[in-house]
Structure formats: C-alpha cells, structure tokens
Amino acid sequence: MKENVFDVLMYLFDNYMDDDNDIPEQDTLSVELEQAGFNLKEINQAFDWLEDLATLQAQAPVKYQPTNAIRIYTAEEIEKLSVETRGFLMFLEQVEVLDSYTRELIIERMMSLDDEVDLEQLKWAVLMILFNIPGQENAASRMETLVYEDDVSMSSIN
C-alpha cells in the first residue's frame, strides 16, 4: 500500500486531535509513526503541513468580513482539485460551514499536498482544519456529520 502525507495526517487526527489527550513531542510522534509503517519523508512532510497550517491560522484576520466574491480557480488548482471537490467546497460555503477565509485556507493546504485530492480526502482535511480553528466548533460539528455518515444527504447539515 502506498502511504502518503495525507495518510500520516489522518493517523494523527484519528489518534490525537479528536481526543483531549496530550499530544506527544514531535520526536516521540515520529518514532510512533515510523513504527506504524510510515516513512520518514512523509512523516516530516505531514509535520511541515501542520506547522504551515498553524502559521496560516496565526496570520488570520482578527475579524473576518465575508464577501460575495466569486472564487476563480487557477490552472494548478483545477489540476489538483476535481470538479467534484471544487463543487463540494462551494456547497460548504453556501451552507455556511466555510467562509471565504476558511475556504482559502483549505485550498492552500490541499495545494501543498503532492497528490491529487479526492472528495474523501478533502472532507477529512476540512474537518481537521475546522477542528483546529478557534471559534469554528459549530462548523466542525456540521462537517463531522458529513465525514462520519456514509449516506448523509447534503441537506442534513443545514
């Protein structure tokens, strides 16, 4: 099985971010991840991804003002994010799970991954990111419904 950075992120989220447990030091986590079968390159890339997320969140505006702007995707974004994933991002914004700031944060983090992003990966990434943004508890809860319920209809998160 080909493991990638996203698999490492999922492992970390499943084992640490959804609990109230203390997160071990990075060196300890790195050893645990290697023992779980991940290679060091992907482990380091996942740590960098999380570090970059924290940096981007720290740069967030104090009070974000929503706009009615339309998002135009670049050629690189279109290549990495399928029509399905872009449509899902638009849906999440329309039902106010995301605002344009969190949408941009998610797109930036997805673009930093090496592989094309599928819908399931996007859903998990949105959940991980919302879970880590203070004040986004309601949006994270609504997103959690979409991630954990297999046959959830889009209207059920409203």
N, C-alpha and C. Protein backbone atom coordinates (compact mmCIF):
# COMPACT_ATOMS: atom_id res chain seq x y z
N MET A 1 0.85 -1.19 0.00
CA MET A 1 0.00 0.00 0.00
C MET A 1 0.88 1.24 0.00
N LYS A 2 0.60 2.15 -0.87
CA LYS A 2 1.38 3.38 -0.95
C LYS A 2 0.85 4.38 0.08
N GLU A 3 1.66 4.67 1.06
CA GLU A 3 1.30 5.65 2.08
C GLU A 3 1.70 7.02 1.58
N ASN A 4 0.94 8.05 1.95
CA ASN A 4 1.31 9.40 1.57
C ASN A 4 1.13 10.33 2.77
N VAL A 5 1.42 11.59 2.56
CA VAL A 5 1.34 12.58 3.63
C VAL A 5 -0.06 12.61 4.22
N PHE A 6 -1.06 12.50 3.38
CA PHE A 6 -2.43 12.56 3.88
C PHE A 6 -2.73 11.39 4.82
N ASP A 7 -2.17 10.22 4.55
CA ASP A 7 -2.35 9.07 5.44
C ASP A 7 -1.75 9.35 6.82
N VAL A 8 -0.60 10.01 6.85
CA VAL A 8 0.03 10.38 8.12
C VAL A 8 -0.86 11.37 8.87
N LEU A 9 -1.38 12.37 8.15
CA LEU A 9 -2.27 13.35 8.77
C LEU A 9 -3.51 12.68 9.34
N MET A 10 -4.07 11.73 8.60
CA MET A 10 -5.25 11.01 9.07
C MET A 10 -4.93 10.22 10.34
N TYR A 11 -3.78 9.58 10.37
CA TYR A 11 -3.37 8.82 11.55
C TYR A 11 -3.27 9.75 12.76
N LEU A 12 -2.64 10.90 12.57
CA LEU A 12 -2.50 11.86 13.67
C LEU A 12 -3.87 12.36 14.13
N PHE A 13 -4.73 12.68 13.19
CA PHE A 13 -6.06 13.17 13.54
C PHE A 13 -6.84 12.11 14.31
N ASP A 14 -6.84 10.89 13.79
CA ASP A 14 -7.58 9.80 14.43
C ASP A 14 -7.08 9.50 15.83
N ASN A 15 -5.78 9.62 16.04
CA ASN A 15 -5.19 9.21 17.31
C ASN A 15 -4.96 10.33 18.30
N TYR A 16 -4.93 11.58 17.86
CA TYR A 16 -4.58 12.64 18.79
C TYR A 16 -5.48 13.86 18.75
N MET A 17 -5.88 14.30 17.59
CA MET A 17 -6.56 15.59 17.50
C MET A 17 -8.02 15.54 17.90
N ASP A 18 -8.61 14.38 17.91
CA ASP A 18 -10.02 14.28 18.25
C ASP A 18 -10.22 13.91 19.72
N ASP A 19 -9.12 13.85 20.47
CA ASP A 19 -9.16 13.49 21.88
C ASP A 19 -8.70 14.66 22.73
N ASP A 20 -8.90 14.53 24.03
CA ASP A 20 -8.38 15.52 24.96
C ASP A 20 -7.02 15.09 25.50
N ASN A 21 -6.46 14.02 24.92
CA ASN A 21 -5.16 13.53 25.36
C ASN A 21 -4.06 14.52 24.96
N ASP A 22 -2.98 14.48 25.73
CA ASP A 22 -1.84 15.30 25.39
C ASP A 22 -1.17 14.74 24.14
N ILE A 23 -0.73 15.63 23.27
CA ILE A 23 -0.04 15.20 22.07
C ILE A 23 1.45 15.09 22.42
N PRO A 24 2.06 13.92 22.13
CA PRO A 24 3.47 13.74 22.44
C PRO A 24 4.37 14.71 21.66
N GLU A 25 5.61 14.81 22.11
CA GLU A 25 6.61 15.61 21.40
C GLU A 25 6.77 15.08 19.98
N GLN A 26 7.24 15.95 19.08
CA GLN A 26 7.37 15.57 17.68
C GLN A 26 8.30 14.37 17.50
N ASP A 27 9.39 14.31 18.24
CA ASP A 27 10.32 13.17 18.11
C ASP A 27 9.63 11.86 18.49
N THR A 28 8.85 11.88 19.57
CA THR A 28 8.12 10.69 20.01
C THR A 28 7.08 10.30 18.97
N LEU A 29 6.38 11.29 18.44
CA LEU A 29 5.38 11.01 17.39
C LEU A 29 6.05 10.42 16.16
N SER A 30 7.19 10.96 15.81
CA SER A 30 7.91 10.48 14.63
C SER A 30 8.26 9.00 14.77
N VAL A 31 8.75 8.62 15.94
CA VAL A 31 9.08 7.21 16.19
C VAL A 31 7.81 6.36 16.11
N GLU A 32 6.73 6.83 16.72
CA GLU A 32 5.47 6.09 16.68
C GLU A 32 4.98 5.92 15.24
N LEU A 33 5.08 6.97 14.45
CA LEU A 33 4.63 6.91 13.07
C LEU A 33 5.49 5.95 12.24
N GLU A 34 6.79 5.97 12.49
CA GLU A 34 7.67 5.02 11.79
C GLU A 34 7.31 3.58 12.17
N GLN A 35 7.03 3.36 13.45
CA GLN A 35 6.63 2.02 13.91
C GLN A 35 5.29 1.60 13.31
N ALA A 36 4.44 2.59 13.00
CA ALA A 36 3.14 2.31 12.38
C ALA A 36 3.28 2.03 10.88
N GLY A 37 4.50 2.21 10.33
CA GLY A 37 4.74 1.87 8.94
C GLY A 37 4.89 3.04 7.98
N PHE A 38 4.87 4.26 8.49
CA PHE A 38 5.05 5.43 7.62
C PHE A 38 6.54 5.69 7.44
N ASN A 39 6.91 6.21 6.25
CA ASN A 39 8.32 6.52 6.06
C ASN A 39 8.61 7.95 6.52
N LEU A 40 9.86 8.18 6.82
CA LEU A 40 10.29 9.44 7.44
C LEU A 40 10.00 10.66 6.56
N LYS A 41 10.09 10.51 5.25
CA LYS A 41 9.82 11.63 4.34
C LYS A 41 8.37 12.10 4.51
N GLU A 42 7.42 11.17 4.48
CA GLU A 42 6.01 11.54 4.63
C GLU A 42 5.72 12.08 6.02
N ILE A 43 6.37 11.52 7.03
CA ILE A 43 6.18 12.00 8.40
C ILE A 43 6.61 13.46 8.51
N ASN A 44 7.79 13.76 7.98
CA ASN A 44 8.30 15.14 8.03
C ASN A 44 7.43 16.09 7.22
N GLN A 45 6.93 15.63 6.07
CA GLN A 45 6.05 16.47 5.26
C GLN A 45 4.73 16.74 6.00
N ALA A 46 4.22 15.75 6.71
CA ALA A 46 2.99 15.94 7.49
C ALA A 46 3.21 16.94 8.61
N PHE A 47 4.34 16.85 9.30
CA PHE A 47 4.65 17.82 10.35
C PHE A 47 4.78 19.22 9.76
N ASP A 48 5.42 19.33 8.59
CA ASP A 48 5.53 20.63 7.91
C ASP A 48 4.15 21.17 7.54
N TRP A 49 3.26 20.29 7.06
CA TRP A 49 1.91 20.67 6.67
C TRP A 49 1.17 21.25 7.87
N LEU A 50 1.27 20.59 9.01
CA LEU A 50 0.61 21.06 10.23
C LEU A 50 1.23 22.36 10.73
N GLU A 51 2.55 22.47 10.63
CA GLU A 51 3.23 23.69 11.04
C GLU A 51 2.79 24.87 10.17
N ASP A 52 2.72 24.64 8.86
CA ASP A 52 2.27 25.68 7.94
C ASP A 52 0.82 26.07 8.22
N LEU A 53 -0.02 25.10 8.56
CA LEU A 53 -1.41 25.39 8.92
C LEU A 53 -1.46 26.30 10.13
N ALA A 54 -0.66 26.00 11.14
CA ALA A 54 -0.62 26.83 12.35
C ALA A 54 -0.15 28.24 12.02
N THR A 55 0.83 28.37 11.15
CA THR A 55 1.32 29.68 10.74
C THR A 55 0.24 30.46 10.01
N LEU A 56 -0.45 29.81 9.09
CA LEU A 56 -1.53 30.48 8.35
C LEU A 56 -2.65 30.91 9.28
N GLN A 57 -2.98 30.07 10.27
CA GLN A 57 -4.04 30.41 11.21
C GLN A 57 -3.63 31.59 12.08
N ALA A 58 -2.36 31.67 12.41
CA ALA A 58 -1.88 32.79 13.23
C ALA A 58 -1.95 34.10 12.46
N GLN A 59 -1.93 34.03 11.15
CA GLN A 59 -1.99 35.22 10.31
C GLN A 59 -3.43 35.62 9.97
N ALA A 60 -4.39 34.88 10.48
CA ALA A 60 -5.80 35.14 10.16
C ALA A 60 -6.21 36.52 10.64
N PRO A 61 -7.10 37.16 9.89
CA PRO A 61 -7.59 38.46 10.34
C PRO A 61 -8.34 38.31 11.66
N VAL A 62 -8.27 39.34 12.49
CA VAL A 62 -8.93 39.31 13.79
C VAL A 62 -10.43 39.12 13.62
N LYS A 63 -11.02 39.90 12.77
CA LYS A 63 -12.47 39.79 12.49
C LYS A 63 -12.61 39.71 10.99
N TYR A 64 -12.96 38.55 10.51
CA TYR A 64 -13.06 38.34 9.07
C TYR A 64 -14.41 38.81 8.57
N GLN A 65 -14.40 39.60 7.53
CA GLN A 65 -15.64 40.10 6.92
C GLN A 65 -15.96 39.28 5.67
N PRO A 66 -17.07 38.57 5.67
CA PRO A 66 -17.44 37.78 4.49
C PRO A 66 -17.73 38.68 3.29
N THR A 67 -17.50 38.12 2.12
CA THR A 67 -17.78 38.86 0.89
C THR A 67 -18.65 38.00 -0.01
N ASN A 68 -19.16 38.61 -1.04
CA ASN A 68 -19.94 37.89 -2.04
C ASN A 68 -19.11 37.63 -3.29
N ALA A 69 -17.80 37.62 -3.14
CA ALA A 69 -16.91 37.41 -4.27
C ALA A 69 -17.03 35.98 -4.80
N ILE A 70 -16.75 35.81 -6.07
CA ILE A 70 -16.76 34.50 -6.70
C ILE A 70 -15.32 34.01 -6.78
N ARG A 71 -15.12 32.77 -6.45
CA ARG A 71 -13.77 32.18 -6.46
C ARG A 71 -13.45 31.66 -7.84
N ILE A 72 -12.37 32.15 -8.44
CA ILE A 72 -11.88 31.65 -9.72
C ILE A 72 -10.63 30.81 -9.43
N TYR A 73 -10.63 29.56 -9.87
CA TYR A 73 -9.52 28.66 -9.60
C TYR A 73 -8.43 28.82 -10.65
N THR A 74 -7.18 28.71 -10.22
CA THR A 74 -6.05 28.74 -11.14
C THR A 74 -5.96 27.41 -11.87
N ALA A 75 -5.16 27.37 -12.93
CA ALA A 75 -4.97 26.12 -13.68
C ALA A 75 -4.39 25.03 -12.78
N GLU A 76 -3.46 25.39 -11.90
CA GLU A 76 -2.86 24.42 -10.98
C GLU A 76 -3.91 23.87 -10.00
N GLU A 77 -4.78 24.74 -9.51
CA GLU A 77 -5.84 24.31 -8.60
C GLU A 77 -6.83 23.38 -9.31
N ILE A 78 -7.16 23.71 -10.54
CA ILE A 78 -8.08 22.88 -11.31
C ILE A 78 -7.49 21.50 -11.55
N GLU A 79 -6.18 21.46 -11.77
CA GLU A 79 -5.50 20.18 -11.98
C GLU A 79 -5.52 19.31 -10.72
N LYS A 80 -5.35 19.92 -9.56
CA LYS A 80 -5.27 19.16 -8.31
C LYS A 80 -6.65 18.91 -7.69
N LEU A 81 -7.58 19.86 -7.84
CA LEU A 81 -8.91 19.75 -7.23
C LEU A 81 -9.93 19.46 -8.32
N SER A 82 -10.54 18.31 -8.27
CA SER A 82 -11.51 17.92 -9.29
C SER A 82 -12.75 18.82 -9.24
N VAL A 83 -13.57 18.69 -10.27
CA VAL A 83 -14.83 19.41 -10.31
C VAL A 83 -15.65 19.06 -9.07
N GLU A 84 -15.63 17.78 -8.69
CA GLU A 84 -16.38 17.31 -7.53
C GLU A 84 -15.89 17.99 -6.24
N THR A 85 -14.60 18.08 -6.05
CA THR A 85 -14.08 18.69 -4.82
C THR A 85 -14.32 20.20 -4.82
N ARG A 86 -14.16 20.83 -5.97
CA ARG A 86 -14.44 22.27 -6.03
C ARG A 86 -15.92 22.55 -5.79
N GLY A 87 -16.77 21.71 -6.34
CA GLY A 87 -18.21 21.87 -6.10
C GLY A 87 -18.56 21.67 -4.64
N PHE A 88 -17.89 20.73 -4.00
CA PHE A 88 -18.14 20.49 -2.58
C PHE A 88 -17.70 21.68 -1.74
N LEU A 89 -16.58 22.28 -2.08
CA LEU A 89 -16.14 23.49 -1.37
C LEU A 89 -17.18 24.60 -1.52
N MET A 90 -17.71 24.75 -2.73
CA MET A 90 -18.73 25.77 -2.97
C MET A 90 -19.98 25.47 -2.14
N PHE A 91 -20.37 24.20 -2.10
CA PHE A 91 -21.51 23.80 -1.30
C PHE A 91 -21.30 24.16 0.17
N LEU A 92 -20.12 23.82 0.70
CA LEU A 92 -19.83 24.11 2.11
C LEU A 92 -19.88 25.61 2.39
N GLU A 93 -19.46 26.39 1.44
CA GLU A 93 -19.53 27.84 1.61
C GLU A 93 -20.99 28.32 1.56
N GLN A 94 -21.78 27.76 0.66
CA GLN A 94 -23.18 28.17 0.53
C GLN A 94 -23.99 27.84 1.77
N VAL A 95 -23.68 26.72 2.44
CA VAL A 95 -24.41 26.35 3.64
C VAL A 95 -23.72 26.87 4.90
N GLU A 96 -22.74 27.73 4.70
CA GLU A 96 -22.04 28.45 5.77
C GLU A 96 -21.27 27.55 6.74
N VAL A 97 -20.79 26.43 6.24
CA VAL A 97 -19.83 25.64 7.00
C VAL A 97 -18.47 26.32 6.86
N LEU A 98 -18.21 26.84 5.66
CA LEU A 98 -16.97 27.58 5.39
C LEU A 98 -17.31 29.02 5.08
N ASP A 99 -16.39 29.91 5.43
CA ASP A 99 -16.44 31.26 4.89
C ASP A 99 -15.30 31.36 3.88
N SER A 100 -15.17 32.48 3.22
CA SER A 100 -14.15 32.56 2.18
C SER A 100 -12.74 32.45 2.75
N TYR A 101 -12.53 32.88 3.99
CA TYR A 101 -11.21 32.73 4.60
C TYR A 101 -10.88 31.25 4.82
N THR A 102 -11.80 30.49 5.43
CA THR A 102 -11.51 29.08 5.68
C THR A 102 -11.42 28.30 4.37
N ARG A 103 -12.21 28.69 3.38
CA ARG A 103 -12.11 28.05 2.06
C ARG A 103 -10.70 28.23 1.50
N GLU A 104 -10.18 29.45 1.57
CA GLU A 104 -8.85 29.73 1.04
C GLU A 104 -7.78 28.97 1.82
N LEU A 105 -7.95 28.87 3.12
CA LEU A 105 -7.03 28.12 3.95
C LEU A 105 -7.02 26.65 3.53
N ILE A 106 -8.18 26.10 3.29
CA ILE A 106 -8.29 24.70 2.87
C ILE A 106 -7.68 24.50 1.49
N ILE A 107 -7.97 25.39 0.56
CA ILE A 107 -7.40 25.26 -0.78
C ILE A 107 -5.87 25.33 -0.70
N GLU A 108 -5.36 26.25 0.08
CA GLU A 108 -3.90 26.39 0.21
C GLU A 108 -3.29 25.11 0.76
N ARG A 109 -3.92 24.53 1.77
CA ARG A 109 -3.39 23.30 2.38
C ARG A 109 -3.51 22.12 1.42
N MET A 110 -4.56 22.05 0.62
CA MET A 110 -4.71 20.96 -0.34
C MET A 110 -3.68 21.09 -1.46
N MET A 111 -3.39 22.31 -1.86
CA MET A 111 -2.40 22.52 -2.91
C MET A 111 -1.00 22.15 -2.45
N SER A 112 -0.76 22.14 -1.17
CA SER A 112 0.57 21.80 -0.67
C SER A 112 0.83 20.29 -0.66
N LEU A 113 -0.22 19.49 -0.86
CA LEU A 113 -0.05 18.04 -0.93
C LEU A 113 0.46 17.65 -2.31
N ASP A 114 1.23 16.57 -2.37
CA ASP A 114 1.82 16.13 -3.64
C ASP A 114 0.81 15.54 -4.61
N ASP A 115 -0.17 14.82 -4.08
CA ASP A 115 -1.09 14.08 -4.93
C ASP A 115 -2.37 14.86 -5.19
N GLU A 116 -3.11 14.41 -6.24
CA GLU A 116 -4.44 14.97 -6.49
C GLU A 116 -5.33 14.65 -5.29
N VAL A 117 -6.21 15.56 -4.97
CA VAL A 117 -7.07 15.42 -3.79
C VAL A 117 -8.43 14.90 -4.21
N ASP A 118 -8.87 13.80 -3.58
CA ASP A 118 -10.21 13.30 -3.88
C ASP A 118 -11.19 13.84 -2.84
N LEU A 119 -12.47 13.57 -3.06
CA LEU A 119 -13.52 14.13 -2.21
C LEU A 119 -13.39 13.67 -0.76
N GLU A 120 -13.11 12.40 -0.53
CA GLU A 120 -12.98 11.91 0.84
C GLU A 120 -11.82 12.59 1.56
N GLN A 121 -10.69 12.74 0.88
CA GLN A 121 -9.55 13.42 1.48
C GLN A 121 -9.91 14.87 1.81
N LEU A 122 -10.60 15.51 0.89
CA LEU A 122 -11.00 16.90 1.12
C LEU A 122 -11.90 17.00 2.35
N LYS A 123 -12.88 16.11 2.46
CA LYS A 123 -13.77 16.15 3.62
C LYS A 123 -12.99 16.04 4.92
N TRP A 124 -12.05 15.09 4.97
CA TRP A 124 -11.25 14.92 6.18
C TRP A 124 -10.37 16.14 6.44
N ALA A 125 -9.79 16.69 5.39
CA ALA A 125 -8.94 17.86 5.56
C ALA A 125 -9.75 19.04 6.08
N VAL A 126 -10.94 19.24 5.54
CA VAL A 126 -11.81 20.32 6.03
C VAL A 126 -12.10 20.12 7.51
N LEU A 127 -12.42 18.89 7.89
CA LEU A 127 -12.70 18.60 9.29
C LEU A 127 -11.48 18.89 10.16
N MET A 128 -10.31 18.42 9.73
CA MET A 128 -9.08 18.65 10.50
C MET A 128 -8.81 20.15 10.68
N ILE A 129 -8.98 20.88 9.61
CA ILE A 129 -8.68 22.31 9.64
C ILE A 129 -9.70 23.05 10.51
N LEU A 130 -10.98 22.77 10.32
CA LEU A 130 -12.01 23.44 11.14
C LEU A 130 -11.85 23.08 12.61
N PHE A 131 -11.49 21.85 12.88
CA PHE A 131 -11.30 21.39 14.26
C PHE A 131 -10.21 22.21 14.96
N ASN A 132 -9.25 22.71 14.18
CA ASN A 132 -8.11 23.42 14.76
C ASN A 132 -8.23 24.94 14.72
N ILE A 133 -9.37 25.45 14.27
CA ILE A 133 -9.57 26.90 14.24
C ILE A 133 -10.50 27.30 15.38
N PRO A 134 -10.00 28.07 16.34
CA PRO A 134 -10.87 28.51 17.44
C PRO A 134 -12.11 29.23 16.90
N GLY A 135 -13.25 28.96 17.49
CA GLY A 135 -14.49 29.60 17.08
C GLY A 135 -15.23 28.88 15.97
N GLN A 136 -14.65 27.79 15.46
CA GLN A 136 -15.28 27.05 14.35
C GLN A 136 -15.89 25.73 14.81
N GLU A 137 -16.23 25.65 16.10
CA GLU A 137 -16.75 24.40 16.65
C GLU A 137 -18.04 23.96 15.97
N ASN A 138 -18.94 24.90 15.71
CA ASN A 138 -20.21 24.57 15.06
C ASN A 138 -19.96 24.07 13.64
N ALA A 139 -19.11 24.75 12.90
CA ALA A 139 -18.79 24.33 11.54
C ALA A 139 -18.11 22.96 11.55
N ALA A 140 -17.22 22.72 12.51
CA ALA A 140 -16.54 21.43 12.61
C ALA A 140 -17.55 20.32 12.92
N SER A 141 -18.51 20.61 13.78
CA SER A 141 -19.54 19.64 14.12
C SER A 141 -20.39 19.30 12.90
N ARG A 142 -20.76 20.31 12.13
CA ARG A 142 -21.55 20.07 10.93
C ARG A 142 -20.75 19.27 9.90
N MET A 143 -19.46 19.57 9.80
CA MET A 143 -18.59 18.86 8.87
C MET A 143 -18.40 17.42 9.32
N GLU A 144 -18.32 17.21 10.61
CA GLU A 144 -18.16 15.87 11.16
C GLU A 144 -19.31 14.97 10.72
N THR A 145 -20.51 15.52 10.66
CA THR A 145 -21.67 14.78 10.18
C THR A 145 -21.42 14.27 8.77
N LEU A 146 -20.88 15.12 7.92
CA LEU A 146 -20.61 14.73 6.54
C LEU A 146 -19.52 13.67 6.43
N VAL A 147 -18.55 13.74 7.29
CA VAL A 147 -17.43 12.81 7.22
C VAL A 147 -17.80 11.44 7.75
N TYR A 148 -18.50 11.39 8.87
CA TYR A 148 -18.76 10.12 9.54
C TYR A 148 -20.01 9.39 9.08
N GLU A 149 -20.94 10.07 8.47
CA GLU A 149 -22.14 9.41 8.00
C GLU A 149 -22.01 9.13 6.51
N ASP A 150 -22.02 7.85 6.14
CA ASP A 150 -21.78 7.44 4.76
C ASP A 150 -22.82 7.97 3.79
N ASP A 151 -24.09 7.80 4.09
CA ASP A 151 -25.13 8.15 3.15
C ASP A 151 -25.87 9.42 3.54
N VAL A 152 -25.14 10.36 4.11
CA VAL A 152 -25.78 11.60 4.55
C VAL A 152 -26.14 12.43 3.32
N SER A 153 -27.32 13.00 3.35
CA SER A 153 -27.69 13.89 2.25
C SER A 153 -27.12 15.26 2.54
N MET A 154 -26.82 15.98 1.51
CA MET A 154 -26.21 17.30 1.65
C MET A 154 -27.08 18.22 2.50
N SER A 155 -28.38 18.07 2.45
CA SER A 155 -29.25 18.97 3.18
C SER A 155 -29.26 18.70 4.68
N SER A 156 -28.70 17.58 5.10
CA SER A 156 -28.77 17.23 6.52
C SER A 156 -27.83 18.06 7.38
N ILE A 157 -26.91 18.82 6.79
CA ILE A 157 -26.00 19.62 7.62
C ILE A 157 -26.54 21.03 7.83
N ASN A 158 -27.63 21.36 7.24
CA ASN A 158 -28.19 22.70 7.44
C ASN A 158 -28.80 22.84 8.80
